[in-house]
Amino acid sequence: MDLPSLTLLVEIIDSGNLSQAARKLKMTRANVSYHLTKLEKAVGVQLVQRTTRRVEPTEIGLRLYEHGRAIRNEMLAAQEAVASLGQGLQGRVGISVPSGYGQIVMGDWLIEFKRTYPGIVLDVLFENRADNLRDEVDIAIRVVQEPPLSLVARSLGNVRYLACASADYARRHGLPQTLHALRSSPVITAGVTGRQLRLSAYQGAERHEVMLEPTLISEHFPFLRQGILAGLGVGLVPDYVVQDKLESGEVLTTLDEYRLSIFGTHMYLLYLPNRHQTRAVRTCIDFLLAKAQRTEGGTAQVTAAG
């Protein structure tokens, strides 16, 4: 058994299937399968259970994986230490942020981070995917009800949804004063095209639910903001989307007695527990948590870990 063999096993188990591991290792699937079989013959036991779509480690395979992961991470840390001798902080950070929060709130944070650490390559994706982190993404920011147990989740604070409309819309049409009235209003929000949207509304210990059919739908919250300001309907959006317009009086809120939720009420910073974190990635995580703590006025906590 040698280091390349252990590294191969780590990549296979981390990837979850042979095809994905082959892409990461820039090998053919057949070649990966050959080297895995060779490693299993060398140790004399089966290391993974193969199915058509996934591989799962056996008990011995999992023990070898943990040793291999520790060795790989130490090697990566040593390479980084040598490469950074006599230089400022360098490296690459891939970060995936929601379209609205990323642009409206985090954009200034990321610009400040880049100015502070000019040697770090910052690769920012604006997207609302809720799936697991991909190879090019080190950090993901997501609004979810419960973070995946397979990821480390650090709290960035609560997300408060508002029912709101432009002052002009309110003058012309009035604002819905009940959840039932909201159903007959033109609703502007994020959702799935062609499907009803389930809005949860909490009042004390009571939970209410209403099904809505939005008339303007987008995953891009800056566009939803434009629709609200244009007087096209009643927006159901996080408060940060229209915060400045609330303060100026251009946007008014309604149904304030309810705590509204569509996709969740909490923002999390997510990352994989087993992936080696470079100094650049660790620095970015600490920077974002500090920014969120100052904004929220609370303490960022680890809420889940794999």
C-alpha atoms as a PDB file:
ATOM      1  CA  MET A   1       0.000   0.000   0.000  1.00  0.00           C
ATOM      2  CA  ASP A   2       1.344   3.441  -0.897  1.00  0.00           C
ATOM      3  CA  LEU A   3       0.252   7.095  -0.689  1.00  0.00           C
ATOM      4  CA  PRO A   4      -1.211   7.262  -4.244  1.00  0.00           C
ATOM      5  CA  SER A   5      -3.389   4.238  -3.450  1.00  0.00           C
ATOM      6  CA  LEU A   6      -4.673   5.822  -0.243  1.00  0.00           C
ATOM      7  CA  THR A   7      -5.307   9.082  -2.093  1.00  0.00           C
ATOM      8  CA  LEU A   8      -7.290   7.180  -4.711  1.00  0.00           C
ATOM      9  CA  LEU A   9      -9.435   5.581  -2.007  1.00  0.00           C
ATOM     10  CA  VAL A  10     -10.075   8.963  -0.370  1.00  0.00           C
ATOM     11  CA  GLU A  11     -11.173  10.511  -3.669  1.00  0.00           C
ATOM     12  CA  ILE A  12     -13.484   7.585  -4.443  1.00  0.00           C
ATOM     13  CA  ILE A  13     -15.226   7.734  -1.070  1.00  0.00           C
ATOM     14  CA  ASP A  14     -15.403  11.535  -1.049  1.00  0.00           C
ATOM     15  CA  SER A  15     -16.873  11.532  -4.568  1.00  0.00           C
ATOM     16  CA  GLY A  16     -19.407   8.815  -3.839  1.00  0.00           C
ATOM     17  CA  ASN A  17     -18.958   7.044  -7.162  1.00  0.00           C
ATOM     18  CA  LEU A  18     -16.206   5.944  -9.515  1.00  0.00           C
ATOM     19  CA  SER A  19     -17.170   8.242 -12.391  1.00  0.00           C
ATOM     20  CA  GLN A  20     -16.952  11.411 -10.297  1.00  0.00           C
ATOM     21  CA  ALA A  21     -13.657  10.271  -8.768  1.00  0.00           C
ATOM     22  CA  ALA A  22     -12.295   9.633 -12.269  1.00  0.00           C
ATOM     23  CA  ARG A  23     -13.172  13.199 -13.312  1.00  0.00           C
ATOM     24  CA  LYS A  24     -11.452  14.656 -10.255  1.00  0.00           C
ATOM     25  CA  LEU A  25      -8.361  12.506 -10.746  1.00  0.00           C
ATOM     26  CA  LYS A  26      -8.348  13.046 -14.530  1.00  0.00           C
ATOM     27  CA  MET A  27      -8.412   9.293 -15.104  1.00  0.00           C
ATOM     28  CA  THR A  28     -10.774   6.947 -16.891  1.00  0.00           C
ATOM     29  CA  ARG A  29     -13.418   5.180 -14.841  1.00  0.00           C
ATOM     30  CA  ALA A  30     -11.921   1.843 -15.861  1.00  0.00           C
ATOM     31  CA  ASN A  31      -8.499   2.936 -14.619  1.00  0.00           C
ATOM     32  CA  VAL A  32      -9.920   4.016 -11.259  1.00  0.00           C
ATOM     33  CA  SER A  33     -11.731   0.686 -10.934  1.00  0.00           C
ATOM     34  CA  TYR A  34      -8.533  -1.197 -11.812  1.00  0.00           C
ATOM     35  CA  HIS A  35      -6.444   0.601  -9.162  1.00  0.00           C
ATOM     36  CA  LEU A  36      -9.176   0.157  -6.548  1.00  0.00           C
ATOM     37  CA  THR A  37      -9.326  -3.586  -7.236  1.00  0.00           C
ATOM     38  CA  LYS A  38      -5.522  -3.735  -7.060  1.00  0.00           C
ATOM     39  CA  LEU A  39      -5.568  -1.972  -3.656  1.00  0.00           C
ATOM     40  CA  GLU A  40      -8.223  -4.357  -2.336  1.00  0.00           C
ATOM     41  CA  LYS A  41      -6.137  -7.333  -3.453  1.00  0.00           C
ATOM     42  CA  ALA A  42      -3.078  -5.831  -1.749  1.00  0.00           C
ATOM     43  CA  VAL A  43      -4.822  -5.462   1.628  1.00  0.00           C
ATOM     44  CA  GLY A  44      -6.795  -8.681   1.216  1.00  0.00           C
ATOM     45  CA  VAL A  45     -10.251  -7.253   2.035  1.00  0.00           C
ATOM     46  CA  GLN A  46     -13.068  -5.420   0.243  1.00  0.00           C
ATOM     47  CA  LEU A  47     -12.838  -1.677   0.886  1.00  0.00           C
ATOM     48  CA  VAL A  48     -16.044  -0.388  -0.745  1.00  0.00           C
ATOM     49  CA  GLN A  49     -19.470  -1.749  -1.622  1.00  0.00           C
ATOM     50  CA  ARG A  50     -20.203  -0.947  -5.271  1.00  0.00           C
ATOM     51  CA  THR A  51     -23.645  -0.252  -6.743  1.00  0.00           C
ATOM     52  CA  THR A  52     -24.516   1.120 -10.168  1.00  0.00           C
ATOM     53  CA  ARG A  53     -24.620   4.665  -8.809  1.00  0.00           C
ATOM     54  CA  ARG A  54     -22.700   4.844  -5.552  1.00  0.00           C
ATOM     55  CA  VAL A  55     -19.903   3.317  -3.538  1.00  0.00           C
ATOM     56  CA  GLU A  56     -20.086   2.930   0.230  1.00  0.00           C
ATOM     57  CA  PRO A  57     -17.017   2.156   2.373  1.00  0.00           C
ATOM     58  CA  THR A  58     -16.849  -1.063   4.337  1.00  0.00           C
ATOM     59  CA  GLU A  59     -15.712  -0.859   7.972  1.00  0.00           C
ATOM     60  CA  ILE A  60     -12.086  -1.502   6.970  1.00  0.00           C
ATOM     61  CA  GLY A  61     -12.437   0.845   4.004  1.00  0.00           C
ATOM     62  CA  LEU A  62     -13.673   3.612   6.294  1.00  0.00           C
ATOM     63  CA  ARG A  63     -10.687   3.168   8.643  1.00  0.00           C
ATOM     64  CA  LEU A  64      -8.241   3.346   5.732  1.00  0.00           C
ATOM     65  CA  TYR A  65     -10.123   6.355   4.363  1.00  0.00           C
ATOM     66  CA  GLU A  66      -9.720   8.250   7.646  1.00  0.00           C
ATOM     67  CA  HIS A  67      -5.971   7.560   7.705  1.00  0.00           C
ATOM     68  CA  GLY A  68      -5.639   8.497   4.039  1.00  0.00           C
ATOM     69  CA  ARG A  69      -7.626  11.707   4.484  1.00  0.00           C
ATOM     70  CA  ALA A  70      -5.437  12.777   7.407  1.00  0.00           C
ATOM     71  CA  ILE A  71      -2.261  12.080   5.438  1.00  0.00           C
ATOM     72  CA  ARG A  72      -3.577  13.903   2.349  1.00  0.00           C
ATOM     73  CA  ASN A  73      -4.584  16.951   4.366  1.00  0.00           C
ATOM     74  CA  GLU A  74      -1.180  17.077   6.046  1.00  0.00           C
ATOM     75  CA  MET A  75       0.526  16.881   2.657  1.00  0.00           C
ATOM     76  CA  LEU A  76      -1.629  19.709   1.306  1.00  0.00           C
ATOM     77  CA  ALA A  77      -0.880  21.810   4.397  1.00  0.00           C
ATOM     78  CA  ALA A  78       2.861  21.196   3.977  1.00  0.00           C
ATOM     79  CA  GLN A  79       2.727  22.147   0.284  1.00  0.00           C
ATOM     80  CA  GLU A  80       0.835  25.321   1.146  1.00  0.00           C
ATOM     81  CA  ALA A  81       3.330  26.244   3.877  1.00  0.00           C
ATOM     82  CA  VAL A  82       6.280  25.855   1.497  1.00  0.00           C
ATOM     83  CA  ALA A  83       4.554  27.767  -1.311  1.00  0.00           C
ATOM     84  CA  SER A  84       3.670  30.696   0.970  1.00  0.00           C
ATOM     85  CA  LEU A  85       7.137  31.198   2.512  1.00  0.00           C
ATOM     86  CA  GLY A  86       8.081  34.859   2.285  1.00  0.00           C
ATOM     87  CA  GLN A  87       4.808  35.749   0.567  1.00  0.00           C
ATOM     88  CA  GLY A  88       1.523  37.273   1.632  1.00  0.00           C
ATOM     89  CA  LEU A  89      -1.609  35.186   2.023  1.00  0.00           C
ATOM     90  CA  GLN A  90      -2.372  33.487  -1.280  1.00  0.00           C
ATOM     91  CA  GLY A  91      -4.656  30.801  -2.630  1.00  0.00           C
ATOM     92  CA  ARG A  92      -8.106  30.401  -4.112  1.00  0.00           C
ATOM     93  CA  VAL A  93     -11.513  30.554  -2.457  1.00  0.00           C
ATOM     94  CA  GLY A  94     -14.584  29.318  -4.310  1.00  0.00           C
ATOM     95  CA  ILE A  95     -17.754  30.690  -2.733  1.00  0.00           C
ATOM     96  CA  SER A  96     -21.385  30.200  -3.723  1.00  0.00           C
ATOM     97  CA  VAL A  97     -23.808  32.889  -2.524  1.00  0.00           C
ATOM     98  CA  PRO A  98     -27.559  33.418  -3.021  1.00  0.00           C
ATOM     99  CA  SER A  99     -28.356  35.872  -5.797  1.00  0.00           C
ATOM    100  CA  GLY A 100     -30.086  38.405  -3.558  1.00  0.00           C
ATOM    101  CA  TYR A 101     -28.155  38.217  -0.301  1.00  0.00           C
ATOM    102  CA  GLY A 102     -24.916  37.835  -2.215  1.00  0.00           C
ATOM    103  CA  GLN A 103     -25.425  40.949  -4.290  1.00  0.00           C
ATOM    104  CA  ILE A 104     -27.289  43.191  -1.851  1.00  0.00           C
ATOM    105  CA  VAL A 105     -25.516  42.329   1.417  1.00  0.00           C
ATOM    106  CA  MET A 106     -22.383  40.278   0.803  1.00  0.00           C
ATOM    107  CA  GLY A 107     -21.096  42.118  -2.256  1.00  0.00           C
ATOM    108  CA  ASP A 108     -19.509  44.870  -0.158  1.00  0.00           C
ATOM    109  CA  TRP A 109     -18.073  42.281   2.255  1.00  0.00           C
ATOM    110  CA  LEU A 110     -16.402  40.348  -0.541  1.00  0.00           C
ATOM    111  CA  ILE A 111     -14.990  43.516  -2.103  1.00  0.00           C
ATOM    112  CA  GLU A 112     -13.502  44.447   1.287  1.00  0.00           C
ATOM    113  CA  PHE A 113     -12.094  40.926   1.681  1.00  0.00           C
ATOM    114  CA  LYS A 114     -10.439  41.137  -1.733  1.00  0.00           C
ATOM    115  CA  ARG A 115      -8.915  44.534  -0.942  1.00  0.00           C
ATOM    116  CA  THR A 116      -7.592  43.190   2.368  1.00  0.00           C
ATOM    117  CA  TYR A 117      -6.148  40.026   0.792  1.00  0.00           C
ATOM    118  CA  PRO A 118      -5.205  40.910  -2.811  1.00  0.00           C
ATOM    119  CA  GLY A 119      -3.194  37.707  -3.223  1.00  0.00           C
ATOM    120  CA  ILE A 120      -6.273  35.499  -2.827  1.00  0.00           C
ATOM    121  CA  VAL A 121      -8.192  34.542  -5.947  1.00  0.00           C
ATOM    122  CA  LEU A 122     -11.888  34.955  -5.118  1.00  0.00           C
ATOM    123  CA  ASP A 123     -14.215  32.906  -7.356  1.00  0.00           C
ATOM    124  CA  VAL A 124     -17.804  33.936  -6.583  1.00  0.00           C
ATOM    125  CA  LEU A 125     -20.881  32.124  -7.914  1.00  0.00           C
ATOM    126  CA  PHE A 126     -24.286  33.799  -7.582  1.00  0.00           C
ATOM    127  CA  GLU A 127     -26.782  30.946  -7.449  1.00  0.00           C
ATOM    128  CA  ASN A 128     -29.534  29.481  -5.328  1.00  0.00           C
ATOM    129  CA  ARG A 129     -28.673  25.800  -5.590  1.00  0.00           C
ATOM    130  CA  ALA A 130     -29.272  23.900  -2.381  1.00  0.00           C
ATOM    131  CA  ASP A 131     -27.308  20.773  -3.242  1.00  0.00           C
ATOM    132  CA  ASN A 132     -24.051  19.657  -1.691  1.00  0.00           C
ATOM    133  CA  LEU A 133     -20.845  21.563  -2.280  1.00  0.00           C
ATOM    134  CA  ARG A 134     -19.081  20.851  -5.546  1.00  0.00           C
ATOM    135  CA  ASP A 135     -15.361  20.622  -6.255  1.00  0.00           C
ATOM    136  CA  GLU A 136     -14.974  24.292  -7.178  1.00  0.00           C
ATOM    137  CA  VAL A 137     -16.988  25.538  -4.179  1.00  0.00           C
ATOM    138  CA  ASP A 138     -15.265  25.722  -0.780  1.00  0.00           C
ATOM    139  CA  ILE A 139     -17.964  27.747   0.974  1.00  0.00           C
ATOM    140  CA  ALA A 140     -21.700  27.978   0.318  1.00  0.00           C
ATOM    141  CA  ILE A 141     -24.114  30.515   1.829  1.00  0.00           C
ATOM    142  CA  ARG A 142     -27.686  29.251   1.983  1.00  0.00           C
ATOM    143  CA  VAL A 143     -31.082  29.936   3.531  1.00  0.00           C
ATOM    144  CA  VAL A 144     -32.449  26.587   4.688  1.00  0.00           C
ATOM    145  CA  GLN A 145     -34.806  25.344   7.379  1.00  0.00           C
ATOM    146  CA  GLU A 146     -32.319  22.704   8.534  1.00  0.00           C
ATOM    147  CA  PRO A 147     -28.715  22.427   7.276  1.00  0.00           C
ATOM    148  CA  PRO A 148     -27.600  19.061   5.844  1.00  0.00           C
ATOM    149  CA  LEU A 149     -26.057  16.839   8.498  1.00  0.00           C
ATOM    150  CA  SER A 150     -23.232  15.980   6.104  1.00  0.00           C
ATOM    151  CA  LEU A 151     -21.941  19.573   6.190  1.00  0.00           C
ATOM    152  CA  VAL A 152     -20.558  21.908   8.825  1.00  0.00           C
ATOM    153  CA  ALA A 153     -23.060  24.751   9.214  1.00  0.00           C
ATOM    154  CA  ARG A 154     -22.130  28.085  10.801  1.00  0.00           C
ATOM    155  CA  SER A 155     -24.918  30.494  11.612  1.00  0.00           C
ATOM    156  CA  LEU A 156     -24.974  33.839   9.815  1.00  0.00           C
ATOM    157  CA  GLY A 157     -28.193  34.952  11.507  1.00  0.00           C
ATOM    158  CA  ASN A 158     -31.941  34.965  11.020  1.00  0.00           C
ATOM    159  CA  VAL A 159     -33.735  35.818   7.796  1.00  0.00           C
ATOM    160  CA  ARG A 160     -36.920  37.847   8.215  1.00  0.00           C
ATOM    161  CA  TYR A 161     -39.440  37.717   5.391  1.00  0.00           C
ATOM    162  CA  LEU A 162     -41.747  40.676   4.777  1.00  0.00           C
ATOM    163  CA  ALA A 163     -45.042  41.153   2.984  1.00  0.00           C
ATOM    164  CA  CYS A 164     -44.511  44.536   1.367  1.00  0.00           C
ATOM    165  CA  ALA A 165     -45.469  46.794  -1.525  1.00  0.00           C
ATOM    166  CA  SER A 166     -44.587  50.194  -2.888  1.00  0.00           C
ATOM    167  CA  ALA A 167     -46.353  53.186  -1.377  1.00  0.00           C
ATOM    168  CA  ASP A 168     -47.856  53.858  -4.820  1.00  0.00           C
ATOM    169  CA  TYR A 169     -49.306  50.342  -5.001  1.00  0.00           C
ATOM    170  CA  ALA A 170     -50.730  50.741  -1.483  1.00  0.00           C
ATOM    171  CA  ARG A 171     -52.466  53.998  -2.471  1.00  0.00           C
ATOM    172  CA  ARG A 172     -53.990  52.476  -5.598  1.00  0.00           C
ATOM    173  CA  HIS A 173     -54.951  49.024  -4.352  1.00  0.00           C
ATOM    174  CA  GLY A 174     -54.529  48.931  -0.586  1.00  0.00           C
ATOM    175  CA  LEU A 175     -52.542  46.297   1.278  1.00  0.00           C
ATOM    176  CA  PRO A 176     -53.891  42.866   2.258  1.00  0.00           C
ATOM    177  CA  GLN A 177     -54.694  42.828   5.954  1.00  0.00           C
ATOM    178  CA  THR A 178     -55.256  39.071   6.317  1.00  0.00           C
ATOM    179  CA  LEU A 179     -53.559  35.950   5.020  1.00  0.00           C
ATOM    180  CA  HIS A 180     -56.734  35.134   3.092  1.00  0.00           C
ATOM    181  CA  ALA A 181     -56.650  38.539   1.393  1.00  0.00           C
ATOM    182  CA  LEU A 182     -53.048  37.889   0.399  1.00  0.00           C
ATOM    183  CA  ARG A 183     -54.265  34.999  -1.760  1.00  0.00           C
ATOM    184  CA  SER A 184     -56.135  37.386  -4.042  1.00  0.00           C
ATOM    185  CA  SER A 185     -53.234  39.858  -4.335  1.00  0.00           C
ATOM    186  CA  PRO A 186     -50.671  39.803  -7.150  1.00  0.00           C
ATOM    187  CA  VAL A 187     -47.711  38.272  -5.317  1.00  0.00           C
ATOM    188  CA  ILE A 188     -44.059  38.865  -6.193  1.00  0.00           C
ATOM    189  CA  THR A 189     -41.637  36.300  -4.781  1.00  0.00           C
ATOM    190  CA  ALA A 190     -39.223  33.467  -5.442  1.00  0.00           C
ATOM    191  CA  GLY A 191     -40.770  30.102  -6.183  1.00  0.00           C
ATOM    192  CA  VAL A 192     -41.212  27.298  -8.636  1.00  0.00           C
ATOM    193  CA  THR A 193     -42.837  28.291 -11.907  1.00  0.00           C
ATOM    194  CA  GLY A 194     -46.145  26.579 -12.500  1.00  0.00           C
ATOM    195  CA  ARG A 195     -46.527  25.402  -8.924  1.00  0.00           C
ATOM    196  CA  GLN A 196     -48.278  26.844  -5.922  1.00  0.00           C
ATOM    197  CA  LEU A 197     -46.120  28.409  -3.238  1.00  0.00           C
ATOM    198  CA  ARG A 198     -46.537  27.338   0.377  1.00  0.00           C
ATOM    199  CA  LEU A 199     -46.228  30.286   2.783  1.00  0.00           C
ATOM    200  CA  SER A 200     -45.883  29.544   6.496  1.00  0.00           C
ATOM    201  CA  ALA A 201     -47.001  32.273   8.887  1.00  0.00           C
ATOM    202  CA  TYR A 202     -46.324  32.053  12.627  1.00  0.00           C
ATOM    203  CA  GLN A 203     -48.218  34.027  15.245  1.00  0.00           C
ATOM    204  CA  GLY A 204     -46.925  33.209  18.680  1.00  0.00           C
ATOM    205  CA  ALA A 205     -47.188  29.436  19.007  1.00  0.00           C
ATOM    206  CA  GLU A 206     -49.727  29.179  16.181  1.00  0.00           C
ATOM    207  CA  ARG A 207     -48.701  28.165  12.690  1.00  0.00           C
ATOM    208  CA  HIS A 208     -50.786  29.110   9.687  1.00  0.00           C
ATOM    209  CA  GLU A 209     -50.279  28.062   6.113  1.00  0.00           C
ATOM    210  CA  VAL A 210     -51.517  29.575   2.879  1.00  0.00           C
ATOM    211  CA  MET A 211     -51.065  28.447  -0.721  1.00  0.00           C
ATOM    212  CA  LEU A 212     -50.261  31.250  -3.144  1.00  0.00           C
ATOM    213  CA  GLU A 213     -49.964  31.570  -6.911  1.00  0.00           C
ATOM    214  CA  PRO A 214     -47.398  34.345  -7.515  1.00  0.00           C
ATOM    215  CA  THR A 215     -47.684  36.461 -10.652  1.00  0.00           C
ATOM    216  CA  LEU A 216     -44.012  37.497 -10.768  1.00  0.00           C
ATOM    217  CA  ILE A 217     -41.472  34.788  -9.918  1.00  0.00           C
ATOM    218  CA  SER A 218     -37.695  34.853  -9.984  1.00  0.00           C
ATOM    219  CA  GLU A 219     -34.731  33.438  -8.098  1.00  0.00           C
ATOM    220  CA  HIS A 220     -32.998  36.791  -8.633  1.00  0.00           C
ATOM    221  CA  PHE A 221     -34.048  38.975  -5.709  1.00  0.00           C
ATOM    222  CA  PRO A 222     -32.724  42.256  -7.170  1.00  0.00           C
ATOM    223  CA  PHE A 223     -35.235  41.745 -10.007  1.00  0.00           C
ATOM    224  CA  LEU A 224     -38.027  41.058  -7.502  1.00  0.00           C
ATOM    225  CA  ARG A 225     -37.068  44.319  -5.803  1.00  0.00           C
ATOM    226  CA  GLN A 226     -37.531  46.121  -9.128  1.00  0.00           C
ATOM    227  CA  GLY A 227     -40.980  44.584  -9.505  1.00  0.00           C
ATOM    228  CA  ILE A 228     -42.002  45.687  -6.008  1.00  0.00           C
ATOM    229  CA  LEU A 229     -40.761  49.244  -6.551  1.00  0.00           C
ATOM    230  CA  ALA A 230     -42.580  49.343  -9.902  1.00  0.00           C
ATOM    231  CA  GLY A 231     -45.875  48.708  -8.092  1.00  0.00           C
ATOM    232  CA  LEU A 232     -46.570  45.348  -9.719  1.00  0.00           C
ATOM    233  CA  GLY A 233     -47.831  43.670  -6.560  1.00  0.00           C
ATOM    234  CA  VAL A 234     -47.178  42.553  -3.000  1.00  0.00           C
ATOM    235  CA  GLY A 235     -43.680  41.230  -2.431  1.00  0.00           C
ATOM    236  CA  LEU A 236     -42.777  38.338  -0.161  1.00  0.00           C
ATOM    237  CA  VAL A 237     -39.037  38.851   0.225  1.00  0.00           C
ATOM    238  CA  PRO A 238     -36.344  38.947   2.933  1.00  0.00           C
ATOM    239  CA  ASP A 239     -36.093  42.318   4.661  1.00  0.00           C
ATOM    240  CA  TYR A 240     -32.628  43.079   3.276  1.00  0.00           C
ATOM    241  CA  VAL A 241     -34.093  43.238  -0.256  1.00  0.00           C
ATOM    242  CA  VAL A 242     -36.045  46.440   0.502  1.00  0.00           C
ATOM    243  CA  GLN A 243     -34.522  47.670   3.772  1.00  0.00           C
ATOM    244  CA  ASP A 244     -33.393  51.043   2.391  1.00  0.00           C
ATOM    245  CA  LYS A 245     -36.789  51.686   0.802  1.00  0.00           C
ATOM    246  CA  LEU A 246     -38.575  50.864   4.058  1.00  0.00           C
ATOM    247  CA  GLU A 247     -36.518  53.517   5.810  1.00  0.00           C
ATOM    248  CA  SER A 248     -37.323  56.096   3.124  1.00  0.00           C
ATOM    249  CA  GLY A 249     -41.054  55.249   3.138  1.00  0.00           C
ATOM    250  CA  GLU A 250     -41.113  54.153  -0.507  1.00  0.00           C
ATOM    251  CA  VAL A 251     -42.073  50.615   0.559  1.00  0.00           C
ATOM    252  CA  LEU A 252     -44.693  49.727   3.173  1.00  0.00           C
ATOM    253  CA  THR A 253     -45.220  46.442   5.009  1.00  0.00           C
ATOM    254  CA  THR A 254     -48.317  44.538   6.034  1.00  0.00           C
ATOM    255  CA  LEU A 255     -49.160  41.420   8.056  1.00  0.00           C
ATOM    256  CA  ASP A 256     -46.439  42.477  10.498  1.00  0.00           C
ATOM    257  CA  GLU A 257     -48.040  40.434  13.264  1.00  0.00           C
ATOM    258  CA  TYR A 258     -46.847  37.259  11.514  1.00  0.00           C
ATOM    259  CA  ARG A 259     -43.405  35.742  11.188  1.00  0.00           C
ATOM    260  CA  LEU A 260     -43.330  34.646   7.561  1.00  0.00           C
ATOM    261  CA  SER A 261     -41.282  31.829   6.068  1.00  0.00           C
ATOM    262  CA  ILE A 262     -40.961  30.369   2.569  1.00  0.00           C
ATOM    263  CA  PHE A 263     -37.613  28.598   2.233  1.00  0.00           C
ATOM    264  CA  GLY A 264     -36.432  28.863   5.836  1.00  0.00           C
ATOM    265  CA  THR A 265     -35.697  31.506   8.415  1.00  0.00           C
ATOM    266  CA  HIS A 266     -31.958  31.116   8.892  1.00  0.00           C
ATOM    267  CA  MET A 267     -28.832  31.856   6.876  1.00  0.00           C
ATOM    268  CA  TYR A 268     -25.947  29.396   7.105  1.00  0.00           C
ATOM    269  CA  LEU A 269     -22.346  29.275   5.953  1.00  0.00           C
ATOM    270  CA  LEU A 270     -21.709  25.680   4.844  1.00  0.00           C
ATOM    271  CA  TYR A 271     -18.553  23.713   4.133  1.00  0.00           C
ATOM    272  CA  LEU A 272     -17.452  20.107   3.940  1.00  0.00           C
ATOM    273  CA  PRO A 273     -15.959  18.691   7.157  1.00  0.00           C
ATOM    274  CA  ASN A 274     -13.499  16.373   5.405  1.00  0.00           C
ATOM    275  CA  ARG A 275     -12.065  18.670   2.753  1.00  0.00           C
ATOM    276  CA  HIS A 276      -8.695  20.255   3.459  1.00  0.00           C
ATOM    277  CA  GLN A 277      -9.125  23.959   4.152  1.00  0.00           C
ATOM    278  CA  THR A 278      -6.324  26.208   2.988  1.00  0.00           C
ATOM    279  CA  ARG A 279      -5.356  29.290   4.969  1.00  0.00           C
ATOM    280  CA  ALA A 280      -7.174  31.344   2.346  1.00  0.00           C
ATOM    281  CA  VAL A 281     -10.438  29.443   2.879  1.00  0.00           C
ATOM    282  CA  ARG A 282     -10.134  29.560   6.677  1.00  0.00           C
ATOM    283  CA  THR A 283      -9.433  33.286   6.541  1.00  0.00           C
ATOM    284  CA  CYS A 284     -12.471  33.889   4.344  1.00  0.00           C
ATOM    285  CA  ILE A 285     -14.729  31.875   6.680  1.00  0.00           C
ATOM    286  CA  ASP A 286     -13.552  33.840   9.721  1.00  0.00           C
ATOM    287  CA  PHE A 287     -13.954  37.133   7.839  1.00  0.00           C
ATOM    288  CA  LEU A 288     -17.555  36.390   6.794  1.00  0.00           C
ATOM    289  CA  LEU A 289     -18.553  35.127  10.250  1.00  0.00           C
ATOM    290  CA  ALA A 290     -17.166  38.301  11.836  1.00  0.00           C
ATOM    291  CA  LYS A 291     -19.068  40.457   9.340  1.00  0.00           C
ATOM    292  CA  ALA A 292     -22.308  38.597   9.992  1.00  0.00           C
ATOM    293  CA  GLN A 293     -21.801  38.804  13.749  1.00  0.00           C
ATOM    294  CA  ARG A 294     -21.409  42.573  13.600  1.00  0.00           C
ATOM    295  CA  THR A 295     -24.449  42.879  11.341  1.00  0.00           C
ATOM    296  CA  GLU A 296     -26.641  40.557  13.394  1.00  0.00           C
ATOM    297  CA  GLY A 297     -25.319  41.675  16.748  1.00  0.00           C
ATOM    298  CA  GLY A 298     -25.018  38.085  17.852  1.00  0.00           C
ATOM    299  CA  THR A 299     -22.545  35.234  17.841  1.00  0.00           C
ATOM    300  CA  ALA A 300     -22.078  32.870  14.937  1.00  0.00           C
ATOM    301  CA  GLN A 301     -22.427  29.308  16.131  1.00  0.00           C
ATOM    302  CA  VAL A 302     -21.593  25.895  14.742  1.00  0.00           C
ATOM    303  CA  THR A 303     -25.081  24.386  14.330  1.00  0.00           C
ATOM    304  CA  ALA A 304     -24.264  21.146  12.546  1.00  0.00           C
ATOM    305  CA  ALA A 305     -21.243  19.093  11.679  1.00  0.00           C
ATOM    306  CA  GLY A 306     -20.570  15.918   9.781  1.00  0.00           C
END
